[in-house]
Amino acid sequence: MKAKKGNNVKFVARRMDKLISRSPSATIKYYNSVFRGLINYYGGSERLSDLYGFLATLKRSAALTISHFYKKKSAK
């Protein structure tokens, strides 16, 4: 999601509500397929550093989704 604070716009990780009812292993499989698809699609790009930043945001989103499954308040 985009988070706007003043003139700054940055991307923030959020949990995926449609995956909360799934088991954590199914959630990880879903996110792994998304990672592989993005890496395969953008693999030939010259600016992979932007992609790695986006993948880090997706990784945090996965952690938030799994932590919500276990009823935790943070991704740690």
PDB file of N, CA and C in Angstrom:
ATOM      1  N   MET A   1       0.835  -1.183   0.000  1.00  0.00           N
ATOM      2  CA  MET A   1       0.000   0.000   0.000  1.00  0.00           C
ATOM      3  C   MET A   1       0.877   1.242   0.000  1.00  0.00           C
ATOM      4  N   LYS A   2       0.345   2.291  -0.535  1.00  0.00           N
ATOM      5  CA  LYS A   2       1.033   3.570  -0.486  1.00  0.00           C
ATOM      6  C   LYS A   2       0.633   4.280   0.799  1.00  0.00           C
ATOM      7  N   ALA A   3       1.615   4.826   1.474  1.00  0.00           N
ATOM      8  CA  ALA A   3       1.361   5.616   2.668  1.00  0.00           C
ATOM      9  C   ALA A   3       1.823   7.038   2.382  1.00  0.00           C
ATOM     10  N   LYS A   4       0.914   7.979   2.487  1.00  0.00           N
ATOM     11  CA  LYS A   4       1.245   9.371   2.221  1.00  0.00           C
ATOM     12  C   LYS A   4       1.395  10.107   3.549  1.00  0.00           C
ATOM     13  N   LYS A   5       2.508  10.769   3.682  1.00  0.00           N
ATOM     14  CA  LYS A   5       2.747  11.589   4.864  1.00  0.00           C
ATOM     15  C   LYS A   5       3.347  12.897   4.377  1.00  0.00           C
ATOM     16  N   GLY A   6       2.518  13.898   4.295  1.00  0.00           N
ATOM     17  CA  GLY A   6       2.973  15.159   3.734  1.00  0.00           C
ATOM     18  C   GLY A   6       3.180  15.016   2.243  1.00  0.00           C
ATOM     19  N   ASN A   7       4.354  15.391   1.771  1.00  0.00           N
ATOM     20  CA  ASN A   7       4.689  15.264   0.348  1.00  0.00           C
ATOM     21  C   ASN A   7       5.372  13.940   0.042  1.00  0.00           C
ATOM     22  N   ASN A   8       5.732  13.182   1.072  1.00  0.00           N
ATOM     23  CA  ASN A   8       6.436  11.920   0.875  1.00  0.00           C
ATOM     24  C   ASN A   8       5.443  10.787   0.642  1.00  0.00           C
ATOM     25  N   VAL A   9       5.769   9.934  -0.299  1.00  0.00           N
ATOM     26  CA  VAL A   9       4.969   8.746  -0.576  1.00  0.00           C
ATOM     27  C   VAL A   9       5.903   7.558  -0.505  1.00  0.00           C
ATOM     28  N   LYS A  10       5.544   6.563   0.314  1.00  0.00           N
ATOM     29  CA  LYS A  10       6.356   5.356   0.394  1.00  0.00           C
ATOM     30  C   LYS A  10       5.434   4.150   0.459  1.00  0.00           C
ATOM     31  N   PHE A  11       5.988   2.989   0.129  1.00  0.00           N
ATOM     32  CA  PHE A  11       5.215   1.764   0.162  1.00  0.00           C
ATOM     33  C   PHE A  11       5.357   1.106   1.532  1.00  0.00           C
ATOM     34  N   VAL A  12       4.238   0.637   2.054  1.00  0.00           N
ATOM     35  CA  VAL A  12       4.194   0.027   3.378  1.00  0.00           C
ATOM     36  C   VAL A  12       3.600  -1.365   3.235  1.00  0.00           C
ATOM     37  N   ALA A  13       4.172  -2.321   3.942  1.00  0.00           N
ATOM     38  CA  ALA A  13       3.670  -3.695   3.899  1.00  0.00           C
ATOM     39  C   ALA A  13       2.406  -3.814   4.749  1.00  0.00           C
ATOM     40  N   ARG A  14       1.449  -4.548   4.241  1.00  0.00           N
ATOM     41  CA  ARG A  14       0.210  -4.845   4.961  1.00  0.00           C
ATOM     42  C   ARG A  14      -0.060  -6.333   4.850  1.00  0.00           C
ATOM     43  N   ARG A  15      -0.854  -6.856   5.749  1.00  0.00           N
ATOM     44  CA  ARG A  15      -1.198  -8.267   5.661  1.00  0.00           C
ATOM     45  C   ARG A  15      -2.238  -8.470   4.566  1.00  0.00           C
ATOM     46  N   MET A  16      -2.303  -9.681   4.039  1.00  0.00           N
ATOM     47  CA  MET A  16      -3.306 -10.016   3.035  1.00  0.00           C
ATOM     48  C   MET A  16      -4.438 -10.756   3.735  1.00  0.00           C
ATOM     49  N   ASP A  17      -5.580 -10.117   3.830  1.00  0.00           N
ATOM     50  CA  ASP A  17      -6.702 -10.680   4.574  1.00  0.00           C
ATOM     51  C   ASP A  17      -7.231 -11.966   3.960  1.00  0.00           C
ATOM     52  N   LYS A  18      -7.106 -12.127   2.656  1.00  0.00           N
ATOM     53  CA  LYS A  18      -7.635 -13.338   2.024  1.00  0.00           C
ATOM     54  C   LYS A  18      -6.796 -14.568   2.344  1.00  0.00           C
ATOM     55  N   LEU A  19      -5.571 -14.380   2.862  1.00  0.00           N
ATOM     56  CA  LEU A  19      -4.696 -15.504   3.182  1.00  0.00           C
ATOM     57  C   LEU A  19      -4.659 -15.836   4.672  1.00  0.00           C
ATOM     58  N   ILE A  20      -5.375 -15.092   5.492  1.00  0.00           N
ATOM     59  CA  ILE A  20      -5.310 -15.282   6.938  1.00  0.00           C
ATOM     60  C   ILE A  20      -5.866 -16.637   7.350  1.00  0.00           C
ATOM     61  N   SER A  21      -6.886 -17.115   6.684  1.00  0.00           N
ATOM     62  CA  SER A  21      -7.510 -18.378   7.084  1.00  0.00           C
ATOM     63  C   SER A  21      -6.703 -19.596   6.623  1.00  0.00           C
ATOM     64  N   ARG A  22      -5.727 -19.413   5.746  1.00  0.00           N
ATOM     65  CA  ARG A  22      -4.895 -20.526   5.270  1.00  0.00           C
ATOM     66  C   ARG A  22      -3.826 -20.862   6.299  1.00  0.00           C
ATOM     67  N   SER A  23      -3.266 -22.046   6.172  1.00  0.00           N
ATOM     68  CA  SER A  23      -2.168 -22.434   7.048  1.00  0.00           C
ATOM     69  C   SER A  23      -0.921 -21.638   6.663  1.00  0.00           C
ATOM     70  N   PRO A  24       0.019 -21.496   7.587  1.00  0.00           N
ATOM     71  CA  PRO A  24       1.241 -20.752   7.264  1.00  0.00           C
ATOM     72  C   PRO A  24       2.031 -21.363   6.108  1.00  0.00           C
ATOM     73  N   SER A  25       2.039 -22.671   5.985  1.00  0.00           N
ATOM     74  CA  SER A  25       2.781 -23.274   4.867  1.00  0.00           C
ATOM     75  C   SER A  25       2.133 -22.926   3.528  1.00  0.00           C
ATOM     76  N   ALA A  26       0.803 -22.871   3.485  1.00  0.00           N
ATOM     77  CA  ALA A  26       0.115 -22.475   2.251  1.00  0.00           C
ATOM     78  C   ALA A  26       0.370 -21.003   1.936  1.00  0.00           C
ATOM     79  N   THR A  27       0.447 -20.182   2.969  1.00  0.00           N
ATOM     80  CA  THR A  27       0.745 -18.763   2.781  1.00  0.00           C
ATOM     81  C   THR A  27       2.148 -18.579   2.223  1.00  0.00           C
ATOM     82  N   ILE A  28       3.105 -19.333   2.750  1.00  0.00           N
ATOM     83  CA  ILE A  28       4.483 -19.245   2.273  1.00  0.00           C
ATOM     84  C   ILE A  28       4.577 -19.723   0.827  1.00  0.00           C
ATOM     85  N   LYS A  29       3.854 -20.773   0.486  1.00  0.00           N
ATOM     86  CA  LYS A  29       3.847 -21.252  -0.898  1.00  0.00           C
ATOM     87  C   LYS A  29       3.292 -20.191  -1.839  1.00  0.00           C
ATOM     88  N   TYR A  30       2.250 -19.493  -1.404  1.00  0.00           N
ATOM     89  CA  TYR A  30       1.666 -18.434  -2.232  1.00  0.00           C
ATOM     90  C   TYR A  30       2.688 -17.314  -2.463  1.00  0.00           C
ATOM     91  N   TYR A  31       3.316 -16.849  -1.380  1.00  0.00           N
ATOM     92  CA  TYR A  31       4.284 -15.761  -1.515  1.00  0.00           C
ATOM     93  C   TYR A  31       5.493 -16.194  -2.336  1.00  0.00           C
ATOM     94  N   ASN A  32       5.935 -17.445  -2.189  1.00  0.00           N
ATOM     95  CA  ASN A  32       7.057 -17.930  -2.994  1.00  0.00           C
ATOM     96  C   ASN A  32       6.723 -17.914  -4.480  1.00  0.00           C
ATOM     97  N   SER A  33       5.491 -18.262  -4.830  1.00  0.00           N
ATOM     98  CA  SER A  33       5.110 -18.218  -6.240  1.00  0.00           C
ATOM     99  C   SER A  33       5.092 -16.782  -6.756  1.00  0.00           C
ATOM    100  N   VAL A  34       4.680 -15.853  -5.913  1.00  0.00           N
ATOM    101  CA  VAL A  34       4.694 -14.438  -6.311  1.00  0.00           C
ATOM    102  C   VAL A  34       6.134 -13.962  -6.495  1.00  0.00           C
ATOM    103  N   PHE A  35       7.025 -14.322  -5.550  1.00  0.00           N
ATOM    104  CA  PHE A  35       8.438 -13.952  -5.670  1.00  0.00           C
ATOM    105  C   PHE A  35       9.039 -14.488  -6.958  1.00  0.00           C
ATOM    106  N   ARG A  36       8.837 -15.779  -7.218  1.00  0.00           N
ATOM    107  CA  ARG A  36       9.415 -16.396  -8.416  1.00  0.00           C
ATOM    108  C   ARG A  36       8.886 -15.742  -9.683  1.00  0.00           C
ATOM    109  N   GLY A  37       7.597 -15.439  -9.711  1.00  0.00           N
ATOM    110  CA  GLY A  37       7.018 -14.790 -10.883  1.00  0.00           C
ATOM    111  C   GLY A  37       7.616 -13.419 -11.131  1.00  0.00           C
ATOM    112  N   LEU A  38       7.780 -12.631 -10.077  1.00  0.00           N
ATOM    113  CA  LEU A  38       8.355 -11.298 -10.237  1.00  0.00           C
ATOM    114  C   LEU A  38       9.824 -11.363 -10.662  1.00  0.00           C
ATOM    115  N   ILE A  39      10.569 -12.276 -10.054  1.00  0.00           N
ATOM    116  CA  ILE A  39      11.988 -12.395 -10.408  1.00  0.00           C
ATOM    117  C   ILE A  39      12.151 -12.874 -11.843  1.00  0.00           C
ATOM    118  N   ASN A  40      11.313 -13.812 -12.269  1.00  0.00           N
ATOM    119  CA  ASN A  40      11.398 -14.282 -13.654  1.00  0.00           C
ATOM    120  C   ASN A  40      11.016 -13.186 -14.641  1.00  0.00           C
ATOM    121  N   TYR A  41      10.000 -12.401 -14.310  1.00  0.00           N
ATOM    122  CA  TYR A  41       9.530 -11.368 -15.224  1.00  0.00           C
ATOM    123  C   TYR A  41      10.537 -10.223 -15.339  1.00  0.00           C
ATOM    124  N   TYR A  42      11.055  -9.772 -14.181  1.00  0.00           N
ATOM    125  CA  TYR A  42      11.958  -8.630 -14.180  1.00  0.00           C
ATOM    126  C   TYR A  42      13.430  -9.034 -14.127  1.00  0.00           C
ATOM    127  N   GLY A  43      13.747 -10.291 -14.334  1.00  0.00           N
ATOM    128  CA  GLY A  43      15.122 -10.779 -14.238  1.00  0.00           C
ATOM    129  C   GLY A  43      16.081 -10.131 -15.215  1.00  0.00           C
ATOM    130  N   GLY A  44      15.627  -9.753 -16.383  1.00  0.00           N
ATOM    131  CA  GLY A  44      16.495  -9.138 -17.378  1.00  0.00           C
ATOM    132  C   GLY A  44      16.630  -7.635 -17.243  1.00  0.00           C
ATOM    133  N   SER A  45      16.033  -7.070 -16.237  1.00  0.00           N
ATOM    134  CA  SER A  45      16.062  -5.625 -16.046  1.00  0.00           C
ATOM    135  C   SER A  45      17.442  -5.160 -15.574  1.00  0.00           C
ATOM    136  N   GLU A  46      17.746  -3.909 -15.831  1.00  0.00           N
ATOM    137  CA  GLU A  46      19.022  -3.347 -15.415  1.00  0.00           C
ATOM    138  C   GLU A  46      18.974  -2.782 -14.001  1.00  0.00           C
ATOM    139  N   ARG A  47      17.782  -2.498 -13.484  1.00  0.00           N
ATOM    140  CA  ARG A  47      17.662  -1.879 -12.165  1.00  0.00           C
ATOM    141  C   ARG A  47      17.015  -2.863 -11.190  1.00  0.00           C
ATOM    142  N   LEU A  48      17.735  -3.904 -10.856  1.00  0.00           N
ATOM    143  CA  LEU A  48      17.200  -4.917  -9.954  1.00  0.00           C
ATOM    144  C   LEU A  48      17.148  -4.439  -8.511  1.00  0.00           C
ATOM    145  N   SER A  49      17.855  -3.380  -8.174  1.00  0.00           N
ATOM    146  CA  SER A  49      17.833  -2.887  -6.797  1.00  0.00           C
ATOM    147  C   SER A  49      16.427  -2.415  -6.418  1.00  0.00           C
ATOM    148  N   ASP A  50      15.689  -1.848  -7.362  1.00  0.00           N
ATOM    149  CA  ASP A  50      14.304  -1.449  -7.088  1.00  0.00           C
ATOM    150  C   ASP A  50      13.436  -2.673  -6.838  1.00  0.00           C
ATOM    151  N   LEU A  51      13.682  -3.728  -7.569  1.00  0.00           N
ATOM    152  CA  LEU A  51      12.926  -4.964  -7.389  1.00  0.00           C
ATOM    153  C   LEU A  51      13.208  -5.575  -6.023  1.00  0.00           C
ATOM    154  N   TYR A  52      14.460  -5.541  -5.581  1.00  0.00           N
ATOM    155  CA  TYR A  52      14.799  -6.124  -4.290  1.00  0.00           C
ATOM    156  C   TYR A  52      14.155  -5.363  -3.141  1.00  0.00           C
ATOM    157  N   GLY A  53      14.021  -4.056  -3.283  1.00  0.00           N
ATOM    158  CA  GLY A  53      13.298  -3.274  -2.276  1.00  0.00           C
ATOM    159  C   GLY A  53      11.831  -3.664  -2.214  1.00  0.00           C
ATOM    160  N   PHE A  54      11.236  -3.898  -3.374  1.00  0.00           N
ATOM    161  CA  PHE A  54       9.839  -4.317  -3.421  1.00  0.00           C
ATOM    162  C   PHE A  54       9.673  -5.720  -2.849  1.00  0.00           C
ATOM    163  N   LEU A  55      10.629  -6.612  -3.120  1.00  0.00           N
ATOM    164  CA  LEU A  55      10.562  -7.967  -2.577  1.00  0.00           C
ATOM    165  C   LEU A  55      10.710  -7.965  -1.057  1.00  0.00           C
ATOM    166  N   ALA A  56      11.488  -7.036  -0.524  1.00  0.00           N
ATOM    167  CA  ALA A  56      11.597  -6.918   0.933  1.00  0.00           C
ATOM    168  C   ALA A  56      10.265  -6.494   1.539  1.00  0.00           C
ATOM    169  N   THR A  57       9.532  -5.628   0.845  1.00  0.00           N
ATOM    170  CA  THR A  57       8.211  -5.225   1.308  1.00  0.00           C
ATOM    171  C   THR A  57       7.243  -6.406   1.259  1.00  0.00           C
ATOM    172  N   LEU A  58       7.331  -7.216   0.213  1.00  0.00           N
ATOM    173  CA  LEU A  58       6.494  -8.411   0.132  1.00  0.00           C
ATOM    174  C   LEU A  58       6.826  -9.409   1.232  1.00  0.00           C
ATOM    175  N   LYS A  59       8.103  -9.530   1.555  1.00  0.00           N
ATOM    176  CA  LYS A  59       8.519 -10.438   2.624  1.00  0.00           C
ATOM    177  C   LYS A  59       7.929 -10.000   3.964  1.00  0.00           C
ATOM    178  N   ARG A  60       7.922  -8.707   4.208  1.00  0.00           N
ATOM    179  CA  ARG A  60       7.319  -8.193   5.440  1.00  0.00           C
ATOM    180  C   ARG A  60       5.813  -8.423   5.438  1.00  0.00           C
ATOM    181  N   SER A  61       5.186  -8.297   4.285  1.00  0.00           N
ATOM    182  CA  SER A  61       3.762  -8.569   4.174  1.00  0.00           C
ATOM    183  C   SER A  61       3.464 -10.026   4.514  1.00  0.00           C
ATOM    184  N   ALA A  62       4.316 -10.934   4.055  1.00  0.00           N
ATOM    185  CA  ALA A  62       4.142 -12.349   4.384  1.00  0.00           C
ATOM    186  C   ALA A  62       4.283 -12.573   5.879  1.00  0.00           C
ATOM    187  N   ALA A  63       5.259 -11.923   6.490  1.00  0.00           N
ATOM    188  CA  ALA A  63       5.460 -12.063   7.930  1.00  0.00           C
ATOM    189  C   ALA A  63       4.266 -11.519   8.707  1.00  0.00           C
ATOM    190  N   LEU A  64       3.710 -10.412   8.255  1.00  0.00           N
ATOM    191  CA  LEU A  64       2.534  -9.846   8.922  1.00  0.00           C
ATOM    192  C   LEU A  64       1.325 -10.751   8.771  1.00  0.00           C
ATOM    193  N   THR A  65       1.161 -11.372   7.615  1.00  0.00           N
ATOM    194  CA  THR A  65       0.039 -12.273   7.389  1.00  0.00           C
ATOM    195  C   THR A  65       0.134 -13.501   8.290  1.00  0.00           C
ATOM    196  N   ILE A  66       1.318 -14.075   8.384  1.00  0.00           N
ATOM    197  CA  ILE A  66       1.505 -15.258   9.229  1.00  0.00           C
ATOM    198  C   ILE A  66       1.388 -14.899  10.704  1.00  0.00           C
ATOM    199  N   SER A  67       1.901 -13.742  11.101  1.00  0.00           N
ATOM    200  CA  SER A  67       1.787 -13.351  12.505  1.00  0.00           C
ATOM    201  C   SER A  67       0.332 -13.098  12.888  1.00  0.00           C
ATOM    202  N   HIS A  68      -0.469 -12.606  11.958  1.00  0.00           N
ATOM    203  CA  HIS A  68      -1.890 -12.412  12.254  1.00  0.00           C
ATOM    204  C   HIS A  68      -2.600 -13.761  12.393  1.00  0.00           C
ATOM    205  N   PHE A  69      -2.144 -14.775  11.658  1.00  0.00           N
ATOM    206  CA  PHE A  69      -2.710 -16.116  11.783  1.00  0.00           C
ATOM    207  C   PHE A  69      -2.516 -16.637  13.207  1.00  0.00           C
ATOM    208  N   TYR A  70      -1.354 -16.344  13.802  1.00  0.00           N
ATOM    209  CA  TYR A  70      -1.056 -16.780  15.170  1.00  0.00           C
ATOM    210  C   TYR A  70      -1.506 -15.762  16.211  1.00  0.00           C
ATOM    211  N   LYS A  71      -2.235 -14.736  15.779  1.00  0.00           N
ATOM    212  CA  LYS A  71      -2.780 -13.696  16.651  1.00  0.00           C
ATOM    213  C   LYS A  71      -1.704 -12.901  17.390  1.00  0.00           C
ATOM    214  N   LYS A  72      -0.621 -12.615  16.696  1.00  0.00           N
ATOM    215  CA  LYS A  72       0.451 -11.770  17.213  1.00  0.00           C
ATOM    216  C   LYS A  72       0.244 -10.363  16.698  1.00  0.00           C
ATOM    217  N   LYS A  73       0.786  -9.385  17.383  1.00  0.00           N
ATOM    218  CA  LYS A  73       0.582  -7.997  16.997  1.00  0.00           C
ATOM    219  C   LYS A  73       1.655  -7.453  16.079  1.00  0.00           C
ATOM    220  N   SER A  74       2.817  -8.106  16.030  1.00  0.00           N
ATOM    221  CA  SER A  74       3.890  -7.610  15.174  1.00  0.00           C
ATOM    222  C   SER A  74       4.455  -8.755  14.347  1.00  0.00           C
ATOM    223  N   ALA A  75       5.272  -8.419  13.379  1.00  0.00           N
ATOM    224  CA  ALA A  75       5.853  -9.430  12.502  1.00  0.00           C
ATOM    225  C   ALA A  75       7.094 -10.058  13.091  1.00  0.00           C
ATOM    226  N   LYS A  76       7.580  -9.546  14.201  1.00  0.00           N
ATOM    227  CA  LYS A  76       8.810 -10.076  14.797  1.00  0.00           C
ATOM    228  C   LYS A  76       8.555 -11.469  15.316  1.00  0.00           C
TER     229      LYS A  76
END
